[in-house]
PDB file of all heavy atoms in Angstrom:
ATOM      1  N   LEU A   1       4.512  -3.977  -6.769  1.00  0.00           N
ATOM      2  CA  LEU A   1       3.132  -4.420  -6.886  1.00  0.00           C
ATOM      3  C   LEU A   1       2.423  -3.583  -7.945  1.00  0.00           C
ATOM      4  O   LEU A   1       2.264  -2.369  -7.804  1.00  0.00           O
ATOM      5  CB  LEU A   1       2.409  -4.310  -5.543  1.00  0.00           C
ATOM      6  CG  LEU A   1       2.939  -5.244  -4.444  1.00  0.00           C
ATOM      7  CD1 LEU A   1       2.174  -5.031  -3.147  1.00  0.00           C
ATOM      8  CD2 LEU A   1       2.870  -6.707  -4.881  1.00  0.00           C
ATOM      9  N   LEU A   2       2.009  -4.245  -9.025  1.00  0.00           N
ATOM     10  CA  LEU A   2       1.288  -3.616 -10.132  1.00  0.00           C
ATOM     11  C   LEU A   2      -0.205  -3.843  -9.968  1.00  0.00           C
ATOM     12  O   LEU A   2      -0.636  -4.687  -9.176  1.00  0.00           O
ATOM     13  CB  LEU A   2       1.756  -4.220 -11.462  1.00  0.00           C
ATOM     14  CG  LEU A   2       3.249  -4.157 -11.764  1.00  0.00           C
ATOM     15  CD1 LEU A   2       3.578  -5.034 -12.958  1.00  0.00           C
ATOM     16  CD2 LEU A   2       3.674  -2.722 -12.023  1.00  0.00           C
ATOM     17  N   ASP A   3      -1.004  -3.129 -10.753  1.00  0.00           N
ATOM     18  CA  ASP A   3      -2.450  -3.268 -10.653  1.00  0.00           C
ATOM     19  C   ASP A   3      -2.915  -4.657 -11.078  1.00  0.00           C
ATOM     20  O   ASP A   3      -2.569  -5.134 -12.171  1.00  0.00           O
ATOM     21  CB  ASP A   3      -3.145  -2.214 -11.522  1.00  0.00           C
ATOM     22  CG  ASP A   3      -4.648  -2.255 -11.362  1.00  0.00           C
ATOM     23  OD1 ASP A   3      -5.124  -2.047 -10.235  1.00  0.00           O
ATOM     24  OD2 ASP A   3      -5.350  -2.529 -12.356  1.00  0.00           O
ATOM     25  N   ALA A   4      -3.691  -5.294 -10.221  1.00  0.00           N
ATOM     26  CA  ALA A   4      -4.145  -6.665 -10.473  1.00  0.00           C
ATOM     27  C   ALA A   4      -5.093  -6.757 -11.664  1.00  0.00           C
ATOM     28  O   ALA A   4      -5.246  -7.829 -12.256  1.00  0.00           O
ATOM     29  CB  ALA A   4      -4.827  -7.224  -9.227  1.00  0.00           C
ATOM     30  N   ARG A   5      -5.733  -5.656 -12.029  1.00  0.00           N
ATOM     31  CA  ARG A   5      -6.707  -5.655 -13.114  1.00  0.00           C
ATOM     32  C   ARG A   5      -6.121  -5.100 -14.410  1.00  0.00           C
ATOM     33  O   ARG A   5      -6.854  -4.881 -15.389  1.00  0.00           O
ATOM     34  CB  ARG A   5      -7.950  -4.856 -12.716  1.00  0.00           C
ATOM     35  CG  ARG A   5      -8.540  -5.272 -11.374  1.00  0.00           C
ATOM     36  CD  ARG A   5      -9.863  -4.596 -11.098  1.00  0.00           C
ATOM     37  NE  ARG A   5     -10.314  -4.819  -9.723  1.00  0.00           N
ATOM     38  CZ  ARG A   5     -11.567  -4.663  -9.295  1.00  0.00           C
ATOM     39  NH1 ARG A   5     -12.511  -4.267 -10.155  1.00  0.00           N
ATOM     40  NH2 ARG A   5     -11.890  -4.881  -8.035  1.00  0.00           N
ATOM     41  N   ASP A   6      -4.819  -4.820 -14.396  1.00  0.00           N
ATOM     42  CA  ASP A   6      -4.158  -4.199 -15.556  1.00  0.00           C
ATOM     43  C   ASP A   6      -4.859  -2.908 -15.955  1.00  0.00           C
ATOM     44  O   ASP A   6      -4.971  -2.581 -17.151  1.00  0.00           O
ATOM     45  CB  ASP A   6      -4.115  -5.166 -16.749  1.00  0.00           C
ATOM     46  CG  ASP A   6      -3.165  -6.335 -16.513  1.00  0.00           C
ATOM     47  OD1 ASP A   6      -2.085  -6.109 -15.946  1.00  0.00           O
ATOM     48  OD2 ASP A   6      -3.521  -7.476 -16.880  1.00  0.00           O
ATOM     49  N   GLY A   7      -5.334  -2.184 -14.967  1.00  0.00           N
ATOM     50  CA  GLY A   7      -6.047  -0.936 -15.228  1.00  0.00           C
ATOM     51  C   GLY A   7      -5.195   0.279 -14.883  1.00  0.00           C
ATOM     52  O   GLY A   7      -3.985   0.181 -14.649  1.00  0.00           O
ATOM     53  N   TYR A   8      -5.861   1.418 -14.849  1.00  0.00           N
ATOM     54  CA  TYR A   8      -5.204   2.673 -14.500  1.00  0.00           C
ATOM     55  C   TYR A   8      -5.363   2.901 -12.996  1.00  0.00           C
ATOM     56  O   TYR A   8      -6.323   2.435 -12.380  1.00  0.00           O
ATOM     57  CB  TYR A   8      -5.811   3.820 -15.301  1.00  0.00           C
ATOM     58  CG  TYR A   8      -5.797   3.570 -16.792  1.00  0.00           C
ATOM     59  CD1 TYR A   8      -6.978   3.278 -17.490  1.00  0.00           C
ATOM     60  CD2 TYR A   8      -4.608   3.592 -17.504  1.00  0.00           C
ATOM     61  CE1 TYR A   8      -6.963   3.029 -18.857  1.00  0.00           C
ATOM     62  CE2 TYR A   8      -4.577   3.347 -18.873  1.00  0.00           C
ATOM     63  CZ  TYR A   8      -5.759   3.071 -19.541  1.00  0.00           C
ATOM     64  OH  TYR A   8      -5.727   2.806 -20.886  1.00  0.00           O
ATOM     65  N   THR A   9      -4.429   3.642 -12.421  1.00  0.00           N
ATOM     66  CA  THR A   9      -4.403   3.783 -10.973  1.00  0.00           C
ATOM     67  C   THR A   9      -4.312   5.249 -10.562  1.00  0.00           C
ATOM     68  O   THR A   9      -3.260   5.875 -10.750  1.00  0.00           O
ATOM     69  CB  THR A   9      -3.207   3.019 -10.378  1.00  0.00           C
ATOM     70  OG1 THR A   9      -3.150   1.713 -10.961  1.00  0.00           O
ATOM     71  CG2 THR A   9      -3.336   2.896  -8.878  1.00  0.00           C
ATOM     72  N   PRO A  10      -5.364   5.813  -9.984  1.00  0.00           N
ATOM     73  CA  PRO A  10      -5.300   7.188  -9.498  1.00  0.00           C
ATOM     74  C   PRO A  10      -4.306   7.317  -8.341  1.00  0.00           C
ATOM     75  O   PRO A  10      -4.101   6.371  -7.573  1.00  0.00           O
ATOM     76  CB  PRO A  10      -6.732   7.464  -9.009  1.00  0.00           C
ATOM     77  CG  PRO A  10      -7.575   6.396  -9.623  1.00  0.00           C
ATOM     78  CD  PRO A  10      -6.682   5.208  -9.772  1.00  0.00           C
ATOM     79  N   THR A  11      -3.718   8.476  -8.203  1.00  0.00           N
ATOM     80  CA  THR A  11      -2.754   8.720  -7.130  1.00  0.00           C
ATOM     81  C   THR A  11      -3.315   8.384  -5.745  1.00  0.00           C
ATOM     82  O   THR A  11      -2.606   7.769  -4.934  1.00  0.00           O
ATOM     83  CB  THR A  11      -2.263  10.178  -7.178  1.00  0.00           C
ATOM     84  OG1 THR A  11      -1.602  10.412  -8.431  1.00  0.00           O
ATOM     85  CG2 THR A  11      -1.302  10.482  -6.044  1.00  0.00           C
ATOM     86  N   PRO A  12      -4.573   8.770  -5.406  1.00  0.00           N
ATOM     87  CA  PRO A  12      -5.081   8.436  -4.073  1.00  0.00           C
ATOM     88  C   PRO A  12      -5.123   6.937  -3.792  1.00  0.00           C
ATOM     89  O   PRO A  12      -4.991   6.519  -2.637  1.00  0.00           O
ATOM     90  CB  PRO A  12      -6.500   9.030  -4.078  1.00  0.00           C
ATOM     91  CG  PRO A  12      -6.440  10.128  -5.074  1.00  0.00           C
ATOM     92  CD  PRO A  12      -5.524   9.621  -6.148  1.00  0.00           C
ATOM     93  N   ALA A  13      -5.302   6.118  -4.831  1.00  0.00           N
ATOM     94  CA  ALA A  13      -5.337   4.673  -4.629  1.00  0.00           C
ATOM     95  C   ALA A  13      -3.951   4.151  -4.253  1.00  0.00           C
ATOM     96  O   ALA A  13      -3.823   3.214  -3.453  1.00  0.00           O
ATOM     97  CB  ALA A  13      -5.845   3.971  -5.885  1.00  0.00           C
ATOM     98  N   VAL A  14      -2.915   4.731  -4.837  1.00  0.00           N
ATOM     99  CA  VAL A  14      -1.547   4.352  -4.481  1.00  0.00           C
ATOM    100  C   VAL A  14      -1.228   4.830  -3.067  1.00  0.00           C
ATOM    101  O   VAL A  14      -0.673   4.083  -2.251  1.00  0.00           O
ATOM    102  CB  VAL A  14      -0.529   4.931  -5.487  1.00  0.00           C
ATOM    103  CG1 VAL A  14       0.904   4.653  -5.032  1.00  0.00           C
ATOM    104  CG2 VAL A  14      -0.765   4.350  -6.877  1.00  0.00           C
ATOM    105  N   SER A  15      -1.596   6.070  -2.765  1.00  0.00           N
ATOM    106  CA  SER A  15      -1.337   6.623  -1.432  1.00  0.00           C
ATOM    107  C   SER A  15      -2.011   5.791  -0.354  1.00  0.00           C
ATOM    108  O   SER A  15      -1.415   5.475   0.686  1.00  0.00           O
ATOM    109  CB  SER A  15      -1.831   8.066  -1.353  1.00  0.00           C
ATOM    110  OG  SER A  15      -1.109   8.897  -2.228  1.00  0.00           O
ATOM    111  N   ARG A  16      -3.267   5.418  -0.597  1.00  0.00           N
ATOM    112  CA  ARG A  16      -4.008   4.643   0.386  1.00  0.00           C
ATOM    113  C   ARG A  16      -3.376   3.259   0.590  1.00  0.00           C
ATOM    114  O   ARG A  16      -3.297   2.754   1.716  1.00  0.00           O
ATOM    115  CB  ARG A  16      -5.458   4.499  -0.071  1.00  0.00           C
ATOM    116  CG  ARG A  16      -6.370   3.935   1.000  1.00  0.00           C
ATOM    117  CD  ARG A  16      -6.892   2.555   0.614  1.00  0.00           C
ATOM    118  NE  ARG A  16      -7.316   1.851   1.818  1.00  0.00           N
ATOM    119  CZ  ARG A  16      -7.057   0.569   2.056  1.00  0.00           C
ATOM    120  NH1 ARG A  16      -6.376  -0.128   1.175  1.00  0.00           N
ATOM    121  NH2 ARG A  16      -7.457  -0.002   3.166  1.00  0.00           N
ATOM    122  N   ALA A  17      -2.897   2.653  -0.496  1.00  0.00           N
ATOM    123  CA  ALA A  17      -2.262   1.342  -0.394  1.00  0.00           C
ATOM    124  C   ALA A  17      -0.995   1.416   0.460  1.00  0.00           C
ATOM    125  O   ALA A  17      -0.736   0.523   1.284  1.00  0.00           O
ATOM    126  CB  ALA A  17      -1.920   0.812  -1.787  1.00  0.00           C
ATOM    127  N   ILE A  18      -0.209   2.463   0.273  1.00  0.00           N
ATOM    128  CA  ILE A  18       1.011   2.654   1.064  1.00  0.00           C
ATOM    129  C   ILE A  18       0.665   2.808   2.537  1.00  0.00           C
ATOM    130  O   ILE A  18       1.250   2.149   3.412  1.00  0.00           O
ATOM    131  CB  ILE A  18       1.782   3.891   0.569  1.00  0.00           C
ATOM    132  CG1 ILE A  18       2.279   3.689  -0.863  1.00  0.00           C
ATOM    133  CG2 ILE A  18       2.956   4.210   1.502  1.00  0.00           C
ATOM    134  CD1 ILE A  18       2.816   4.952  -1.513  1.00  0.00           C
ATOM    135  N   LEU A  19      -0.287   3.692   2.836  1.00  0.00           N
ATOM    136  CA  LEU A  19      -0.659   3.949   4.229  1.00  0.00           C
ATOM    137  C   LEU A  19      -1.237   2.712   4.904  1.00  0.00           C
ATOM    138  O   LEU A  19      -0.918   2.420   6.062  1.00  0.00           O
ATOM    139  CB  LEU A  19      -1.677   5.095   4.288  1.00  0.00           C
ATOM    140  CG  LEU A  19      -1.135   6.483   3.927  1.00  0.00           C
ATOM    141  CD1 LEU A  19      -2.271   7.490   3.834  1.00  0.00           C
ATOM    142  CD2 LEU A  19      -0.109   6.940   4.957  1.00  0.00           C
ATOM    143  N   ALA A  20      -2.073   1.981   4.192  1.00  0.00           N
ATOM    144  CA  ALA A  20      -2.692   0.787   4.765  1.00  0.00           C
ATOM    145  C   ALA A  20      -1.629  -0.265   5.079  1.00  0.00           C
ATOM    146  O   ALA A  20      -1.650  -0.883   6.145  1.00  0.00           O
ATOM    147  CB  ALA A  20      -3.744   0.226   3.815  1.00  0.00           C
ATOM    148  N   HIS A  21      -0.715  -0.469   4.145  1.00  0.00           N
ATOM    149  CA  HIS A  21       0.352  -1.446   4.375  1.00  0.00           C
ATOM    150  C   HIS A  21       1.187  -1.055   5.584  1.00  0.00           C
ATOM    151  O   HIS A  21       1.472  -1.897   6.451  1.00  0.00           O
ATOM    152  CB  HIS A  21       1.256  -1.552   3.156  1.00  0.00           C
ATOM    153  CG  HIS A  21       2.471  -2.408   3.401  1.00  0.00           C
ATOM    154  ND1 HIS A  21       2.492  -3.762   3.119  1.00  0.00           N
ATOM    155  CD2 HIS A  21       3.699  -2.112   3.925  1.00  0.00           C
ATOM    156  CE1 HIS A  21       3.664  -4.258   3.467  1.00  0.00           C
ATOM    157  NE2 HIS A  21       4.419  -3.281   3.942  1.00  0.00           N
ATOM    158  N   ASN A  22       1.581   0.216   5.657  1.00  0.00           N
ATOM    159  CA  ASN A  22       2.458   0.643   6.740  1.00  0.00           C
ATOM    160  C   ASN A  22       1.748   0.648   8.089  1.00  0.00           C
ATOM    161  O   ASN A  22       2.367   0.385   9.121  1.00  0.00           O
ATOM    162  CB  ASN A  22       3.051   2.012   6.420  1.00  0.00           C
ATOM    163  CG  ASN A  22       4.026   1.949   5.253  1.00  0.00           C
ATOM    164  OD1 ASN A  22       4.564   0.891   4.937  1.00  0.00           O
ATOM    165  ND2 ASN A  22       4.249   3.072   4.591  1.00  0.00           N
ATOM    166  N   ALA A  23       0.438   0.933   8.096  1.00  0.00           N
ATOM    167  CA  ALA A  23      -0.325   0.881   9.344  1.00  0.00           C
ATOM    168  C   ALA A  23      -0.430  -0.553   9.847  1.00  0.00           C
ATOM    169  O   ALA A  23      -0.297  -0.832  11.041  1.00  0.00           O
ATOM    170  CB  ALA A  23      -1.714   1.463   9.134  1.00  0.00           C
ATOM    171  N   GLU A  24      -0.669  -1.479   8.941  1.00  0.00           N
ATOM    172  CA  GLU A  24      -0.763  -2.889   9.312  1.00  0.00           C
ATOM    173  C   GLU A  24       0.580  -3.396   9.803  1.00  0.00           C
ATOM    174  O   GLU A  24       0.661  -4.159  10.777  1.00  0.00           O
ATOM    175  CB  GLU A  24      -1.229  -3.714   8.114  1.00  0.00           C
ATOM    176  CG  GLU A  24      -2.670  -3.433   7.710  1.00  0.00           C
ATOM    177  CD  GLU A  24      -3.026  -4.028   6.354  1.00  0.00           C
ATOM    178  OE1 GLU A  24      -2.146  -4.683   5.759  1.00  0.00           O
ATOM    179  OE2 GLU A  24      -4.162  -3.830   5.910  1.00  0.00           O
ATOM    180  N   GLY A  25       1.658  -2.933   9.161  1.00  0.00           N
ATOM    181  CA  GLY A  25       2.995  -3.352   9.578  1.00  0.00           C
ATOM    182  C   GLY A  25       3.336  -2.846  10.960  1.00  0.00           C
ATOM    183  O   GLY A  25       3.896  -3.566  11.788  1.00  0.00           O
ATOM    184  N   ALA A  26       2.946  -1.579  11.232  1.00  0.00           N
ATOM    185  CA  ALA A  26       3.223  -1.000  12.543  1.00  0.00           C
ATOM    186  C   ALA A  26       2.462  -1.747  13.626  1.00  0.00           C
ATOM    187  O   ALA A  26       2.953  -1.971  14.726  1.00  0.00           O
ATOM    188  CB  ALA A  26       2.848   0.481  12.544  1.00  0.00           C
ATOM    189  N   GLY A  27       1.218  -2.127  13.272  1.00  0.00           N
ATOM    190  CA  GLY A  27       0.403  -2.835  14.250  1.00  0.00           C
ATOM    191  C   GLY A  27       0.969  -4.202  14.571  1.00  0.00           C
ATOM    192  O   GLY A  27       0.901  -4.686  15.701  1.00  0.00           O
ATOM    193  N   ALA A  28       1.566  -4.829  13.564  1.00  0.00           N
ATOM    194  CA  ALA A  28       2.134  -6.151  13.778  1.00  0.00           C
ATOM    195  C   ALA A  28       3.495  -6.066  14.463  1.00  0.00           C
ATOM    196  O   ALA A  28       3.987  -7.047  15.008  1.00  0.00           O
ATOM    197  CB  ALA A  28       2.277  -6.880  12.441  1.00  0.00           C
ATOM    198  N   GLY A  29       4.094  -4.878  14.425  1.00  0.00           N
ATOM    199  CA  GLY A  29       5.368  -4.674  15.096  1.00  0.00           C
ATOM    200  C   GLY A  29       6.580  -5.081  14.290  1.00  0.00           C
ATOM    201  O   GLY A  29       7.715  -4.932  14.732  1.00  0.00           O
ATOM    202  N   ALA A  30       6.368  -5.622  13.109  1.00  0.00           N
ATOM    203  CA  ALA A  30       7.527  -6.095  12.341  1.00  0.00           C
ATOM    204  C   ALA A  30       7.340  -5.867  10.849  1.00  0.00           C
ATOM    205  O   ALA A  30       7.808  -6.641  10.032  1.00  0.00           O
ATOM    206  CB  ALA A  30       7.758  -7.577  12.612  1.00  0.00           C
ATOM    207  N   GLY A  31       6.627  -4.802  10.475  1.00  0.00           N
ATOM    208  CA  GLY A  31       6.350  -4.563   9.074  1.00  0.00           C
ATOM    209  C   GLY A  31       7.497  -3.885   8.347  1.00  0.00           C
ATOM    210  O   GLY A  31       8.271  -3.129   8.935  1.00  0.00           O
ATOM    211  N   ARG A  32       7.610  -4.181   7.083  1.00  0.00           N
ATOM    212  CA  ARG A  32       8.578  -3.511   6.232  1.00  0.00           C
ATOM    213  C   ARG A  32       7.882  -2.348   5.555  1.00  0.00           C
ATOM    214  O   ARG A  32       6.821  -2.519   4.955  1.00  0.00           O
ATOM    215  CB  ARG A  32       9.135  -4.484   5.203  1.00  0.00           C
ATOM    216  CG  ARG A  32       9.961  -5.615   5.807  1.00  0.00           C
ATOM    217  CD  ARG A  32      10.552  -6.501   4.736  1.00  0.00           C
ATOM    218  NE  ARG A  32      11.483  -7.467   5.288  1.00  0.00           N
ATOM    219  CZ  ARG A  32      12.203  -8.318   4.556  1.00  0.00           C
ATOM    220  NH1 ARG A  32      12.069  -8.317   3.236  1.00  0.00           N
ATOM    221  NH2 ARG A  32      13.029  -9.164   5.131  1.00  0.00           N
ATOM    222  N   ARG A  33       8.469  -1.167   5.602  1.00  0.00           N
ATOM    223  CA  ARG A  33       7.814   0.028   5.082  1.00  0.00           C
ATOM    224  C   ARG A  33       7.662  -0.003   3.567  1.00  0.00           C
ATOM    225  O   ARG A  33       8.580  -0.378   2.847  1.00  0.00           O
ATOM    226  CB  ARG A  33       8.591   1.276   5.492  1.00  0.00           C
ATOM    227  CG  ARG A  33       8.515   1.598   6.964  1.00  0.00           C
ATOM    228  CD  ARG A  33       9.213   2.913   7.246  1.00  0.00           C
ATOM    229  NE  ARG A  33      10.622   2.848   6.883  1.00  0.00           N
ATOM    230  CZ  ARG A  33      11.381   3.928   6.663  1.00  0.00           C
ATOM    231  NH1 ARG A  33      10.840   5.135   6.722  1.00  0.00           N
ATOM    232  NH2 ARG A  33      12.664   3.793   6.357  1.00  0.00           N
ATOM    233  N   ALA A  34       6.494   0.424   3.120  1.00  0.00           N
ATOM    234  CA  ALA A  34       6.191   0.498   1.693  1.00  0.00           C
ATOM    235  C   ALA A  34       6.270   1.943   1.216  1.00  0.00           C
ATOM    236  O   ALA A  34       6.173   2.889   2.000  1.00  0.00           O
ATOM    237  CB  ALA A  34       4.802  -0.061   1.428  1.00  0.00           C
ATOM    238  N   ASP A  35       6.414   2.105  -0.084  1.00  0.00           N
ATOM    239  CA  ASP A  35       6.356   3.402  -0.730  1.00  0.00           C
ATOM    240  C   ASP A  35       5.778   3.201  -2.122  1.00  0.00           C
ATOM    241  O   ASP A  35       5.243   2.128  -2.420  1.00  0.00           O
ATOM    242  CB  ASP A  35       7.730   4.083  -0.766  1.00  0.00           C
ATOM    243  CG  ASP A  35       8.806   3.221  -1.427  1.00  0.00           C
ATOM    244  OD1 ASP A  35       8.480   2.086  -1.867  1.00  0.00           O
ATOM    245  OD2 ASP A  35       9.973   3.662  -1.508  1.00  0.00           O
TER     246      ASP A  35
END
């Protein structure tokens, strides 16, 4: 997954995206882990 705006991406934005995806996956019980 690349930046939708073709912009620059700070490290915290990548970290937050990983955590949000994995939290949602855990909640659904069948998520695939992101990195």
